[in-house]
C-alpha cells in the first residue's frame, strides 16, 4: 500500500526521512513565497493587468490542487478523510458534480484507483504550472513588471542598444 511505501522510505531508505521532509516543507516554503507574491501584487495593483492576474489565479488554483493530491498520497487516515471531504465538495456542482466526483475517484468510492489518479495528477500538474508560468511571464513582459497601469512612459526614450552602443563602437 501507499502508506507502507512511505513508511518504508522514511524508515529503511538512507536519508529517506530527509527527502520526504524536504519535499513536504519545501512545498510549504514555496506557498509562503507564492502568498508573498500575491500580497505584493495586491499592494502594487497588479490586478489591473487582467491577463497576467487571471493566469496567476489559475496557477494558484493548480498549485493548491497539486498540494492537495500530494497531501493525499501517503494514504493515512488524515489523507483518506481529507480526500473524502474535499472531493465530495465537488458533488455540490449542479448537473456534473456527482459525475465529476466519480471520475476523480475512479469508481463509486475512494480506493486504489483514486490514489493512482492522484499520483498522476501530482506528477503532471507541475508541468502544467510551469507552462502557465511561462505564459504568465510572457504577459508580464508585455507591459512590464513594475508598470501595473500598462501606460507606456518610455515613448520618448532612446534605447542604449543599438543607438548608443554603435555610436560608442564607431566613435
Protein backbone atom coordinates (compact mmCIF):
# COMPACT_ATOMS: atom_id res chain seq x y z
CA UNK A 1 0.00 0.00 0.00
CA UNK A 2 0.99 3.63 -0.31
CA UNK A 3 1.20 4.07 3.45
CA UNK A 4 3.63 1.18 3.84
CA UNK A 5 5.70 2.50 0.91
CA UNK A 6 6.06 5.89 2.58
CA UNK A 7 6.85 4.21 5.90
CA UNK A 8 9.49 2.06 4.18
CA UNK A 9 11.11 5.09 2.55
CA UNK A 10 11.17 7.01 5.83
CA UNK A 11 12.46 4.13 7.97
CA UNK A 12 14.61 1.92 5.74
CA UNK A 13 16.00 4.03 2.89
CA UNK A 14 19.10 6.06 3.70
CA UNK A 15 18.00 9.65 4.31
CA UNK A 16 14.50 8.81 3.06
CA UNK A 17 13.03 10.70 6.00
CA UNK A 18 15.05 13.75 4.94
CA UNK A 19 13.87 13.60 1.33
CA UNK A 20 10.23 13.33 2.41
CA UNK A 21 10.51 16.19 4.90
CA UNK A 22 12.39 18.44 2.46
CA UNK A 23 9.69 17.75 -0.15
CA UNK A 24 6.83 18.49 2.26
CA UNK A 25 8.41 21.52 3.94
CA UNK A 26 9.73 22.82 0.62
CA UNK A 27 6.15 22.88 -0.62
CA UNK A 28 5.15 24.93 2.43
CA UNK A 29 8.02 27.34 1.84
CA UNK A 30 7.01 27.60 -1.82
CA UNK A 31 3.46 28.54 -0.79
CA UNK A 32 4.83 31.22 1.55
CA UNK A 33 6.67 32.70 -1.44
CA UNK A 34 3.51 32.48 -3.57
CA UNK A 35 1.46 34.28 -0.90
CA UNK A 36 4.11 37.00 -0.61
CA UNK A 37 4.00 37.35 -4.41
CA UNK A 38 0.21 37.73 -4.28
CA UNK A 39 0.46 40.29 -1.45
CA UNK A 40 2.96 42.30 -3.47
CA UNK A 41 0.64 42.15 -6.47
CA UNK A 42 -2.30 43.37 -4.39
CA UNK A 43 -0.23 46.17 -2.86
CA UNK A 44 1.02 47.46 -6.22
CA UNK A 45 -2.29 46.99 -8.04
CA UNK A 46 -1.04 44.33 -10.41
CA UNK A 47 -4.61 43.05 -10.71
CA UNK A 48 -5.17 45.88 -13.20
CA UNK A 49 -3.20 43.83 -15.74
CA UNK A 50 -6.07 41.38 -16.12
CA UNK A 51 -4.49 38.73 -18.36
CA UNK A 52 -1.42 38.34 -16.16
CA UNK A 53 -3.51 38.38 -12.97
CA UNK A 54 -6.02 35.80 -14.23
CA UNK A 55 -3.29 33.42 -15.32
CA UNK A 56 -1.74 33.88 -11.88
CA UNK A 57 -5.06 32.92 -10.25
CA UNK A 58 -5.23 29.79 -12.43
CA UNK A 59 -1.66 28.95 -11.40
CA UNK A 60 -2.63 29.38 -7.72
CA UNK A 61 -5.61 27.02 -8.10
CA UNK A 62 -3.43 24.42 -9.83
CA UNK A 63 -0.77 24.77 -7.13
CA UNK A 64 -3.40 24.15 -4.46
CA UNK A 65 -4.67 21.12 -6.37
CA UNK A 66 -1.11 19.77 -6.64
CA UNK A 67 -0.55 20.28 -2.93
CA UNK A 68 -3.85 18.63 -2.07
CA UNK A 69 -3.22 15.49 -4.11
CA UNK A 70 0.29 15.35 -2.66
CA UNK A 71 -1.21 15.52 0.83
CA UNK A 72 -3.40 12.52 -0.01
CA UNK A 73 -0.57 10.34 -1.37
CA UNK A 74 0.75 8.92 1.96
CA UNK A 75 -2.73 7.35 2.32
CA UNK A 76 -3.06 7.58 6.07
CA UNK A 77 -6.31 8.29 7.91
CA UNK A 78 -5.94 12.07 7.56
CA UNK A 79 -5.21 11.66 3.86
CA UNK A 80 -8.18 9.38 3.27
CA UNK A 81 -10.67 11.58 5.07
CA UNK A 82 -9.19 14.73 3.55
CA UNK A 83 -9.71 13.23 0.10
CA UNK A 84 -13.23 12.15 1.03
CA UNK A 85 -14.30 15.57 2.31
CA UNK A 86 -12.66 17.70 -0.38
CA UNK A 87 -13.72 15.56 -3.34
CA UNK A 88 -17.28 15.36 -2.01
CA UNK A 89 -17.41 19.17 -2.10
CA UNK A 90 -17.41 18.87 -5.88
CA UNK A 91 -20.70 16.97 -5.74
CA UNK A 92 -22.38 20.30 -4.93
CA UNK A 93 -21.81 21.44 -8.51
CA UNK A 94 -25.11 21.30 -10.38
CA UNK A 95 -25.59 18.66 -13.07
CA UNK A 96 -21.95 17.50 -13.29
CA UNK A 97 -20.97 17.24 -9.61
CA UNK A 98 -21.67 13.56 -8.96
CA UNK A 99 -20.23 12.50 -12.30
CA UNK A 100 -17.09 14.59 -11.67
CA UNK A 101 -16.60 13.07 -8.21
CA UNK A 102 -16.92 9.54 -9.59
CA UNK A 103 -14.46 10.36 -12.36
CA UNK A 104 -11.93 11.68 -9.83
CA UNK A 105 -12.46 8.65 -7.58
CA UNK A 106 -12.19 6.21 -10.48
CA UNK A 107 -15.31 4.44 -9.25
CA UNK A 108 -18.06 4.75 -6.66
CA UNK A 109 -15.77 5.15 -3.65
CA UNK A 110 -12.26 6.24 -2.77
CA UNK A 111 -9.96 3.32 -3.49
CA UNK A 112 -6.61 2.45 -5.07
CA UNK A 113 -7.83 3.89 -8.38
CA UNK A 114 -8.21 7.24 -6.63
CA UNK A 115 -4.68 7.02 -5.30
CA UNK A 116 -3.32 6.21 -8.77
CA UNK A 117 -5.15 9.18 -10.25
CA UNK A 118 -3.91 11.48 -7.50
CA UNK A 119 -0.33 10.33 -8.07
CA UNK A 120 -0.74 11.04 -11.79
CA UNK A 121 -2.16 14.49 -11.04
CA UNK A 122 0.65 15.17 -8.54
CA UNK A 123 3.21 14.30 -11.21
CA UNK A 124 1.63 16.07 -14.21
CA UNK A 125 0.21 19.26 -12.69
CA UNK A 126 3.64 20.83 -12.00
CA UNK A 127 4.37 20.66 -15.74
CA UNK A 128 1.09 22.47 -16.45
CA UNK A 129 2.01 25.03 -13.76
CA UNK A 130 5.44 25.52 -15.37
CA UNK A 131 3.87 26.11 -18.80
CA UNK A 132 1.36 28.58 -17.35
CA UNK A 133 4.19 30.33 -15.50
CA UNK A 134 5.92 30.90 -18.84
CA UNK A 135 2.68 32.35 -20.24
CA UNK A 136 2.33 34.45 -17.05
CA UNK A 137 5.81 35.88 -17.64
CA UNK A 138 5.08 36.43 -21.33
CA UNK A 139 2.05 38.59 -20.47
CA UNK A 140 4.05 40.29 -17.71
CA UNK A 141 6.81 41.36 -20.08
CA UNK A 142 4.26 42.83 -22.47
CA UNK A 143 3.63 45.81 -20.18
CA UNK A 144 6.48 45.50 -17.68
CA UNK A 145 6.59 44.10 -14.19
CA UNK A 146 6.75 47.48 -12.45
CA UNK A 147 4.08 49.02 -14.66
CA UNK A 148 0.70 47.83 -13.32
CA UNK A 149 -1.28 50.54 -15.12
CA UNK A 150 0.11 49.49 -18.50
CA UNK A 151 0.86 53.08 -19.55
CA UNK A 152 3.91 53.42 -21.75
CA UNK A 153 6.04 56.04 -20.03
CA UNK A 154 9.16 55.46 -22.11
CA UNK A 155 7.78 56.56 -25.50
CA UNK A 156 10.31 59.40 -25.84
CA UNK A 157 13.34 57.41 -24.70
CA UNK A 158 16.05 56.08 -26.98
CA UNK A 159 17.30 52.58 -26.12
CA UNK A 160 21.01 52.19 -25.42
CA UNK A 161 21.37 49.37 -27.93
CA UNK A 162 21.69 49.73 -30.91
CA UNK A 163 21.90 53.53 -30.98
CA UNK A 164 24.48 54.40 -28.33
CA UNK A 165 26.36 51.10 -28.48
CA UNK A 166 27.09 51.60 -32.20
CA UNK A 167 27.92 55.26 -31.62
CA UNK A 168 30.47 54.22 -28.98
CA UNK A 169 31.78 51.44 -31.21
CA UNK A 170 32.31 53.72 -34.22
CA UNK A 171 33.49 56.52 -32.04
